[in-house]
PDB file of N, CA and C in Angstrom:
ATOM      1  N   MET A   1     -13.543  28.953 -83.107  1.00  0.00           N
ATOM      2  CA  MET A   1     -13.647  30.183 -82.403  1.00  0.00           C
ATOM      3  C   MET A   1     -12.617  30.109 -81.588  1.00  0.00           C
ATOM      4  N   ALA A   2     -11.410  31.061 -81.513  1.00  0.00           N
ATOM      5  CA  ALA A   2     -10.291  31.227 -80.737  1.00  0.00           C
ATOM      6  C   ALA A   2     -10.778  31.809 -79.483  1.00  0.00           C
ATOM      7  N   LEU A   3     -10.221  31.364 -78.269  1.00  0.00           N
ATOM      8  CA  LEU A   3     -10.637  31.981 -76.976  1.00  0.00           C
ATOM      9  C   LEU A   3      -9.842  33.074 -76.920  1.00  0.00           C
ATOM     10  N   LYS A   4     -10.462  34.174 -75.998  1.00  0.00           N
ATOM     11  CA  LYS A   4      -9.825  35.557 -76.185  1.00  0.00           C
ATOM     12  C   LYS A   4      -9.045  35.359 -74.474  1.00  0.00           C
ATOM     13  N   PRO A   5      -7.723  35.986 -74.921  1.00  0.00           N
ATOM     14  CA  PRO A   5      -6.841  35.742 -73.509  1.00  0.00           C
ATOM     15  C   PRO A   5      -7.474  36.612 -72.304  1.00  0.00           C
ATOM     16  N   PRO A   6      -7.394  36.088 -71.218  1.00  0.00           N
ATOM     17  CA  PRO A   6      -7.464  36.956 -70.012  1.00  0.00           C
ATOM     18  C   PRO A   6      -6.942  38.223 -69.982  1.00  0.00           C
ATOM     19  N   PRO A   7      -7.682  39.446 -69.526  1.00  0.00           N
ATOM     20  CA  PRO A   7      -6.974  40.561 -69.479  1.00  0.00           C
ATOM     21  C   PRO A   7      -5.521  40.634 -68.489  1.00  0.00           C
ATOM     22  N   PRO A   8      -4.756  41.533 -68.681  1.00  0.00           N
ATOM     23  CA  PRO A   8      -3.736  41.805 -67.784  1.00  0.00           C
ATOM     24  C   PRO A   8      -4.168  42.041 -66.237  1.00  0.00           C
ATOM     25  N   PRO A   9      -3.285  41.513 -65.139  1.00  0.00           N
ATOM     26  CA  PRO A   9      -4.102  41.849 -63.907  1.00  0.00           C
ATOM     27  C   PRO A   9      -4.320  43.215 -63.679  1.00  0.00           C
ATOM     28  N   TRP A  10      -3.629  44.330 -63.974  1.00  0.00           N
ATOM     29  CA  TRP A  10      -3.467  45.784 -63.664  1.00  0.00           C
ATOM     30  C   TRP A  10      -5.108  46.121 -64.294  1.00  0.00           C
ATOM     31  N   GLU A  11      -5.534  45.647 -65.494  1.00  0.00           N
ATOM     32  CA  GLU A  11      -6.503  46.077 -65.973  1.00  0.00           C
ATOM     33  C   GLU A  11      -7.939  45.368 -65.419  1.00  0.00           C
ATOM     34  N   LEU A  12      -7.811  44.441 -64.704  1.00  0.00           N
ATOM     35  CA  LEU A  12      -8.588  43.308 -63.884  1.00  0.00           C
ATOM     36  C   LEU A  12      -8.967  44.402 -62.697  1.00  0.00           C
ATOM     37  N   LEU A  13      -7.689  44.914 -61.998  1.00  0.00           N
ATOM     38  CA  LEU A  13      -7.740  45.742 -60.880  1.00  0.00           C
ATOM     39  C   LEU A  13      -8.516  46.762 -61.019  1.00  0.00           C
ATOM     40  N   GLN A  14      -8.370  47.426 -62.153  1.00  0.00           N
ATOM     41  CA  GLN A  14      -8.772  48.980 -62.486  1.00  0.00           C
ATOM     42  C   GLN A  14     -10.265  48.657 -62.734  1.00  0.00           C
ATOM     43  N   GLN A  15     -10.792  47.509 -63.486  1.00  0.00           N
ATOM     44  CA  GLN A  15     -12.136  47.289 -63.637  1.00  0.00           C
ATOM     45  C   GLN A  15     -12.756  47.042 -62.122  1.00  0.00           C
ATOM     46  N   VAL A  16     -12.307  46.441 -61.365  1.00  0.00           N
ATOM     47  CA  VAL A  16     -12.957  46.158 -60.060  1.00  0.00           C
ATOM     48  C   VAL A  16     -12.966  47.476 -59.381  1.00  0.00           C
ATOM     49  N   SER A  17     -11.764  48.299 -59.415  1.00  0.00           N
ATOM     50  CA  SER A  17     -11.923  49.836 -58.656  1.00  0.00           C
ATOM     51  C   SER A  17     -12.758  50.554 -59.385  1.00  0.00           C
ATOM     52  N   GLU A  18     -13.289  50.433 -60.465  1.00  0.00           N
ATOM     53  CA  GLU A  18     -14.196  51.240 -61.173  1.00  0.00           C
ATOM     54  C   GLU A  18     -15.761  50.738 -60.507  1.00  0.00           C
ATOM     55  N   LEU A  19     -15.791  49.417 -60.625  1.00  0.00           N
ATOM     56  CA  LEU A  19     -17.081  48.867 -60.145  1.00  0.00           C
ATOM     57  C   LEU A  19     -17.289  49.323 -58.638  1.00  0.00           C
ATOM     58  N   VAL A  20     -16.499  49.252 -57.640  1.00  0.00           N
ATOM     59  CA  VAL A  20     -16.939  49.402 -56.243  1.00  0.00           C
ATOM     60  C   VAL A  20     -17.169  50.942 -55.975  1.00  0.00           C
ATOM     61  N   GLY A  21     -16.240  51.782 -56.697  1.00  0.00           N
ATOM     62  CA  GLY A  21     -16.599  53.135 -56.499  1.00  0.00           C
ATOM     63  C   GLY A  21     -16.162  53.726 -55.119  1.00  0.00           C
ATOM     64  N   GLY A  22     -16.971  53.718 -54.110  1.00  0.00           N
ATOM     65  CA  GLY A  22     -16.735  54.075 -52.738  1.00  0.00           C
ATOM     66  C   GLY A  22     -15.423  53.848 -52.389  1.00  0.00           C
ATOM     67  N   SER A  23     -14.486  54.797 -51.666  1.00  0.00           N
ATOM     68  CA  SER A  23     -13.268  54.666 -51.364  1.00  0.00           C
ATOM     69  C   SER A  23     -13.074  53.911 -50.009  1.00  0.00           C
ATOM     70  N   GLY A  24     -14.061  53.617 -49.230  1.00  0.00           N
ATOM     71  CA  GLY A  24     -13.894  52.508 -48.335  1.00  0.00           C
ATOM     72  C   GLY A  24     -14.043  51.112 -48.939  1.00  0.00           C
ATOM     73  N   VAL A  25     -14.811  50.952 -49.621  1.00  0.00           N
ATOM     74  CA  VAL A  25     -15.003  49.609 -50.388  1.00  0.00           C
ATOM     75  C   VAL A  25     -13.633  49.204 -51.327  1.00  0.00           C
ATOM     76  N   ARG A  26     -13.419  50.567 -51.736  1.00  0.00           N
ATOM     77  CA  ARG A  26     -12.151  50.422 -52.759  1.00  0.00           C
ATOM     78  C   ARG A  26     -10.972  49.955 -51.972  1.00  0.00           C
ATOM     79  N   GLN A  27     -10.649  50.740 -50.845  1.00  0.00           N
ATOM     80  CA  GLN A  27      -9.559  50.373 -49.780  1.00  0.00           C
ATOM     81  C   GLN A  27      -9.673  48.906 -49.433  1.00  0.00           C
ATOM     82  N   GLU A  28     -10.806  48.523 -49.329  1.00  0.00           N
ATOM     83  CA  GLU A  28     -11.090  47.066 -48.537  1.00  0.00           C
ATOM     84  C   GLU A  28     -10.942  46.099 -50.097  1.00  0.00           C
ATOM     85  N   VAL A  29     -11.138  46.315 -51.033  1.00  0.00           N
ATOM     86  CA  VAL A  29     -11.217  45.532 -52.343  1.00  0.00           C
ATOM     87  C   VAL A  29      -9.527  45.364 -52.664  1.00  0.00           C
ATOM     88  N   ASP A  30      -8.793  46.629 -52.407  1.00  0.00           N
ATOM     89  CA  ASP A  30      -7.594  46.661 -52.704  1.00  0.00           C
ATOM     90  C   ASP A  30      -6.748  46.032 -51.776  1.00  0.00           C
ATOM     91  N   LYS A  31      -7.282  46.099 -50.578  1.00  0.00           N
ATOM     92  CA  LYS A  31      -6.350  45.217 -49.361  1.00  0.00           C
ATOM     93  C   LYS A  31      -6.628  43.631 -49.587  1.00  0.00           C
ATOM     94  N   ASN A  32      -7.714  43.291 -49.925  1.00  0.00           N
ATOM     95  CA  ASN A  32      -8.067  41.815 -50.215  1.00  0.00           C
ATOM     96  C   ASN A  32      -7.124  41.349 -51.380  1.00  0.00           C
ATOM     97  N   MET A  33      -7.339  42.286 -52.684  1.00  0.00           N
ATOM     98  CA  MET A  33      -6.345  41.680 -53.823  1.00  0.00           C
ATOM     99  C   MET A  33      -4.967  41.666 -53.382  1.00  0.00           C
ATOM    100  N   ARG A  34      -4.527  42.652 -52.790  1.00  0.00           N
ATOM    101  CA  ARG A  34      -3.103  42.441 -52.293  1.00  0.00           C
ATOM    102  C   ARG A  34      -2.622  41.357 -51.546  1.00  0.00           C
ATOM    103  N   SER A  35      -3.799  40.973 -50.708  1.00  0.00           N
ATOM    104  CA  SER A  35      -3.482  39.581 -49.870  1.00  0.00           C
ATOM    105  C   SER A  35      -3.299  38.491 -50.583  1.00  0.00           C
ATOM    106  N   LEU A  36      -4.501  38.531 -51.806  1.00  0.00           N
ATOM    107  CA  LEU A  36      -4.585  37.348 -52.621  1.00  0.00           C
ATOM    108  C   LEU A  36      -3.319  37.171 -53.134  1.00  0.00           C
ATOM    109  N   ALA A  37      -2.810  38.306 -53.872  1.00  0.00           N
ATOM    110  CA  ALA A  37      -1.538  38.244 -54.732  1.00  0.00           C
ATOM    111  C   ALA A  37      -0.496  37.938 -54.040  1.00  0.00           C
ATOM    112  N   GLN A  38      -0.251  38.411 -52.617  1.00  0.00           N
ATOM    113  CA  GLN A  38       0.885  37.952 -51.841  1.00  0.00           C
ATOM    114  C   GLN A  38       0.777  36.423 -51.499  1.00  0.00           C
ATOM    115  N   SER A  39      -0.279  35.961 -51.269  1.00  0.00           N
ATOM    116  CA  SER A  39      -0.683  34.393 -51.069  1.00  0.00           C
ATOM    117  C   SER A  39      -0.205  33.606 -52.253  1.00  0.00           C
ATOM    118  N   ALA A  40      -0.541  34.105 -53.402  1.00  0.00           N
ATOM    119  CA  ALA A  40      -0.292  33.329 -54.758  1.00  0.00           C
ATOM    120  C   ALA A  40       1.356  33.439 -54.917  1.00  0.00           C
ATOM    121  N   LEU A  41       2.045  34.686 -54.617  1.00  0.00           N
ATOM    122  CA  LEU A  41       3.352  34.651 -54.964  1.00  0.00           C
ATOM    123  C   LEU A  41       4.127  33.868 -53.809  1.00  0.00           C
ATOM    124  N   SER A  42       3.341  33.638 -52.610  1.00  0.00           N
ATOM    125  CA  SER A  42       4.312  33.113 -51.440  1.00  0.00           C
ATOM    126  C   SER A  42       4.533  31.577 -51.666  1.00  0.00           C
ATOM    127  N   ARG A  43       3.303  31.068 -52.602  1.00  0.00           N
ATOM    128  CA  ARG A  43       3.355  29.679 -52.799  1.00  0.00           C
ATOM    129  C   ARG A  43       4.223  29.199 -54.254  1.00  0.00           C
ATOM    130  N   LEU A  44       4.885  30.519 -54.700  1.00  0.00           N
ATOM    131  CA  LEU A  44       5.837  30.204 -55.792  1.00  0.00           C
ATOM    132  C   LEU A  44       7.237  29.870 -55.176  1.00  0.00           C
ATOM    133  N   ASP A  45       8.012  29.042 -56.257  1.00  0.00           N
ATOM    134  CA  ASP A  45       9.464  28.601 -55.756  1.00  0.00           C
ATOM    135  C   ASP A  45      10.399  29.642 -56.230  1.00  0.00           C
ATOM    136  N   VAL A  46      10.325  31.026 -55.407  1.00  0.00           N
ATOM    137  CA  VAL A  46      11.295  32.036 -55.625  1.00  0.00           C
ATOM    138  C   VAL A  46      12.103  32.358 -54.618  1.00  0.00           C
ATOM    139  N   VAL A  47      13.282  33.208 -55.000  1.00  0.00           N
ATOM    140  CA  VAL A  47      14.216  33.531 -53.953  1.00  0.00           C
ATOM    141  C   VAL A  47      14.240  35.000 -53.942  1.00  0.00           C
ATOM    142  N   SER A  48      14.519  35.667 -52.687  1.00  0.00           N
ATOM    143  CA  SER A  48      14.605  36.815 -52.458  1.00  0.00           C
ATOM    144  C   SER A  48      15.740  37.267 -53.343  1.00  0.00           C
ATOM    145  N   ARG A  49      15.786  38.832 -53.640  1.00  0.00           N
ATOM    146  CA  ARG A  49      16.684  39.370 -54.441  1.00  0.00           C
ATOM    147  C   ARG A  49      18.088  39.445 -53.877  1.00  0.00           C
ATOM    148  N   ASP A  50      17.879  39.628 -52.213  1.00  0.00           N
ATOM    149  CA  ASP A  50      19.440  39.520 -51.636  1.00  0.00           C
ATOM    150  C   ASP A  50      19.871  38.292 -51.849  1.00  0.00           C
ATOM    151  N   GLU A  51      19.197  37.342 -51.616  1.00  0.00           N
ATOM    152  CA  GLU A  51      19.545  35.715 -51.711  1.00  0.00           C
ATOM    153  C   GLU A  51      20.321  35.545 -53.053  1.00  0.00           C
ATOM    154  N   PHE A  52      19.510  36.023 -54.236  1.00  0.00           N
ATOM    155  CA  PHE A  52      19.759  35.908 -55.368  1.00  0.00           C
ATOM    156  C   PHE A  52      21.356  36.441 -55.544  1.00  0.00           C
ATOM    157  N   ASP A  53      21.243  37.723 -55.298  1.00  0.00           N
ATOM    158  CA  ASP A  53      22.658  38.579 -55.363  1.00  0.00           C
ATOM    159  C   ASP A  53      23.857  37.768 -54.592  1.00  0.00           C
ATOM    160  N   ALA A  54      23.550  37.327 -53.459  1.00  0.00           N
ATOM    161  CA  ALA A  54      24.363  36.660 -52.494  1.00  0.00           C
ATOM    162  C   ALA A  54      25.028  35.435 -53.352  1.00  0.00           C
ATOM    163  N   GLN A  55      24.018  34.700 -53.952  1.00  0.00           N
ATOM    164  CA  GLN A  55      24.365  33.509 -54.903  1.00  0.00           C
ATOM    165  C   GLN A  55      25.219  33.644 -56.088  1.00  0.00           C
ATOM    166  N   ALA A  56      24.610  34.841 -56.703  1.00  0.00           N
ATOM    167  CA  ALA A  56      25.529  35.371 -57.874  1.00  0.00           C
ATOM    168  C   ALA A  56      27.023  35.855 -57.692  1.00  0.00           C
ATOM    169  N   GLU A  57      27.307  36.171 -56.493  1.00  0.00           N
ATOM    170  CA  GLU A  57      28.371  36.726 -56.081  1.00  0.00           C
ATOM    171  C   GLU A  57      29.228  35.377 -55.643  1.00  0.00           C
ATOM    172  N   ILE A  58      28.822  34.518 -54.870  1.00  0.00           N
ATOM    173  CA  ILE A  58      29.323  33.345 -54.706  1.00  0.00           C
ATOM    174  C   ILE A  58      29.985  32.384 -56.176  1.00  0.00           C
ATOM    175  N   LEU A  59      28.939  32.471 -56.814  1.00  0.00           N
ATOM    176  CA  LEU A  59      29.240  31.809 -58.311  1.00  0.00           C
ATOM    177  C   LEU A  59      30.580  32.739 -58.952  1.00  0.00           C
ATOM    178  N   GLN A  60      30.265  33.813 -59.010  1.00  0.00           N
ATOM    179  CA  GLN A  60      31.270  34.605 -59.601  1.00  0.00           C
ATOM    180  C   GLN A  60      32.720  34.338 -58.989  1.00  0.00           C
ATOM    181  N   ARG A  61      32.914  34.294 -57.573  1.00  0.00           N
ATOM    182  CA  ARG A  61      34.130  34.009 -57.045  1.00  0.00           C
ATOM    183  C   ARG A  61      34.651  32.569 -57.135  1.00  0.00           C
ATOM    184  N   THR A  62      33.620  31.584 -57.486  1.00  0.00           N
ATOM    185  CA  THR A  62      34.006  30.128 -57.918  1.00  0.00           C
ATOM    186  C   THR A  62      34.573  30.368 -59.226  1.00  0.00           C
ATOM    187  N   ARG A  63      33.738  30.897 -60.159  1.00  0.00           N
ATOM    188  CA  ARG A  63      34.176  30.829 -61.481  1.00  0.00           C
ATOM    189  C   ARG A  63      35.659  31.617 -61.576  1.00  0.00           C
ATOM    190  N   SER A  64      35.971  32.526 -60.744  1.00  0.00           N
ATOM    191  CA  SER A  64      37.345  33.279 -61.068  1.00  0.00           C
ATOM    192  C   SER A  64      38.133  31.996 -60.196  1.00  0.00           C
ATOM    193  N   ARG A  65      38.064  31.379 -59.296  1.00  0.00           N
ATOM    194  CA  ARG A  65      38.902  30.535 -58.529  1.00  0.00           C
ATOM    195  C   ARG A  65      39.093  29.160 -59.474  1.00  0.00           C
ATOM    196  N   VAL A  66      37.933  28.883 -60.078  1.00  0.00           N
ATOM    197  CA  VAL A  66      38.384  27.843 -61.106  1.00  0.00           C
ATOM    198  C   VAL A  66      39.377  28.153 -62.394  1.00  0.00           C
ATOM    199  N   THR A  67      38.998  29.438 -62.732  1.00  0.00           N
ATOM    200  CA  THR A  67      39.719  30.019 -64.021  1.00  0.00           C
ATOM    201  C   THR A  67      41.418  29.965 -63.504  1.00  0.00           C
ATOM    202  N   GLU A  68      41.432  30.337 -62.276  1.00  0.00           N
ATOM    203  CA  GLU A  68      42.620  30.439 -61.706  1.00  0.00           C
ATOM    204  C   GLU A  68      43.470  29.083 -61.467  1.00  0.00           C
ATOM    205  N   LEU A  69      42.695  28.144 -61.095  1.00  0.00           N
ATOM    206  CA  LEU A  69      43.108  26.662 -60.823  1.00  0.00           C
ATOM    207  C   LEU A  69      43.445  26.296 -62.220  1.00  0.00           C
ATOM    208  N   GLU A  70      42.785  26.324 -63.313  1.00  0.00           N
ATOM    209  CA  GLU A  70      42.845  25.760 -64.679  1.00  0.00           C
ATOM    210  C   GLU A  70      44.232  26.494 -65.033  1.00  0.00           C
ATOM    211  N   THR A  71      44.530  27.596 -64.817  1.00  0.00           N
ATOM    212  CA  THR A  71      45.560  28.202 -65.321  1.00  0.00           C
ATOM    213  C   THR A  71      46.804  27.489 -64.645  1.00  0.00           C
ATOM    214  N   THR A  72      46.636  27.374 -63.142  1.00  0.00           N
ATOM    215  CA  THR A  72      47.859  26.671 -62.583  1.00  0.00           C
ATOM    216  C   THR A  72      48.127  25.349 -62.947  1.00  0.00           C
ATOM    217  N   LEU A  73      46.796  24.720 -63.171  1.00  0.00           N
ATOM    218  CA  LEU A  73      47.204  23.136 -63.620  1.00  0.00           C
ATOM    219  C   LEU A  73      47.756  23.243 -65.111  1.00  0.00           C
ATOM    220  N   GLU A  74      47.283  24.293 -65.975  1.00  0.00           N
ATOM    221  CA  GLU A  74      48.072  24.123 -67.340  1.00  0.00           C
ATOM    222  C   GLU A  74      49.437  24.150 -67.260  1.00  0.00           C
ATOM    223  N   ALA A  75      49.730  25.236 -66.150  1.00  0.00           N
ATOM    224  CA  ALA A  75      51.368  25.499 -66.212  1.00  0.00           C
ATOM    225  C   ALA A  75      52.228  24.306 -65.725  1.00  0.00           C
ATOM    226  N   LEU A  76      51.612  23.592 -64.525  1.00  0.00           N
ATOM    227  CA  LEU A  76      52.163  22.555 -63.882  1.00  0.00           C
ATOM    228  C   LEU A  76      52.461  21.465 -64.799  1.00  0.00           C
ATOM    229  N   THR A  77      51.256  21.029 -65.693  1.00  0.00           N
ATOM    230  CA  THR A  77      51.165  20.078 -66.776  1.00  0.00           C
ATOM    231  C   THR A  77      52.465  20.317 -67.770  1.00  0.00           C
ATOM    232  N   LYS A  78      52.528  21.670 -68.166  1.00  0.00           N
ATOM    233  CA  LYS A  78      53.496  21.986 -69.157  1.00  0.00           C
ATOM    234  C   LYS A  78      54.840  21.994 -68.554  1.00  0.00           C
ATOM    235  N   GLU A  79      55.181  22.176 -66.940  1.00  0.00           N
ATOM    236  CA  GLU A  79      56.280  21.771 -66.647  1.00  0.00           C
ATOM    237  C   GLU A  79      56.632  20.443 -66.386  1.00  0.00           C
ATOM    238  N   LEU A  80      55.612  19.497 -66.005  1.00  0.00           N
ATOM    239  CA  LEU A  80      55.909  18.211 -66.044  1.00  0.00           C
ATOM    240  C   LEU A  80      56.314  17.409 -67.273  1.00  0.00           C
ATOM    241  N   GLU A  81      55.620  17.994 -68.178  1.00  0.00           N
ATOM    242  CA  GLU A  81      55.988  17.548 -69.766  1.00  0.00           C
ATOM    243  C   GLU A  81      57.419  17.792 -69.945  1.00  0.00           C
ATOM    244  N   ARG A  82      57.913  18.996 -69.719  1.00  0.00           N
ATOM    245  CA  ARG A  82      59.117  19.707 -69.949  1.00  0.00           C
ATOM    246  C   ARG A  82      60.180  18.865 -69.109  1.00  0.00           C
ATOM    247  N   LEU A  83      59.787  18.451 -67.965  1.00  0.00           N
ATOM    248  CA  LEU A  83      60.976  17.800 -67.120  1.00  0.00           C
ATOM    249  C   LEU A  83      61.117  16.166 -67.774  1.00  0.00           C
ATOM    250  N   SER A  84      59.832  15.802 -68.024  1.00  0.00           N
ATOM    251  CA  SER A  84      59.855  14.463 -68.474  1.00  0.00           C
ATOM    252  C   SER A  84      60.587  14.227 -69.931  1.00  0.00           C
ATOM    253  N   GLU A  85      60.332  15.091 -70.793  1.00  0.00           N
ATOM    254  CA  GLU A  85      61.144  15.294 -71.849  1.00  0.00           C
ATOM    255  C   GLU A  85      62.794  15.376 -71.838  1.00  0.00           C
ATOM    256  N   THR A  86      63.080  15.926 -70.616  1.00  0.00           N
ATOM    257  CA  THR A  86      64.899  16.033 -70.499  1.00  0.00           C
ATOM    258  C   THR A  86      65.214  14.930 -69.738  1.00  0.00           C
ATOM    259  N   GLN A  87      64.390  14.080 -69.422  1.00  0.00           N
ATOM    260  CA  GLN A  87      64.899  12.827 -68.554  1.00  0.00           C
ATOM    261  C   GLN A  87      65.187  11.710 -69.728  1.00  0.00           C
TER     262      GLN A  87
END
């Protein structure tokens, strides 16, 4: 018999919300669930969006510079080969 996959987190939160009913209890459960989710996320090896964007920008500049240097190297190599042939 196949195991049924667990429900998505939002369904679980909705079910808990329906069970607790009262707004004071609901707010407390919501607060605790958010705290639990934040705690779980903080243990993951992730970076902030700002840090990701900064690294992506650095990578793009590095790729551009590498392309530029490859073009320069190719031109210098061709010039060296041309000079070697004339001698």
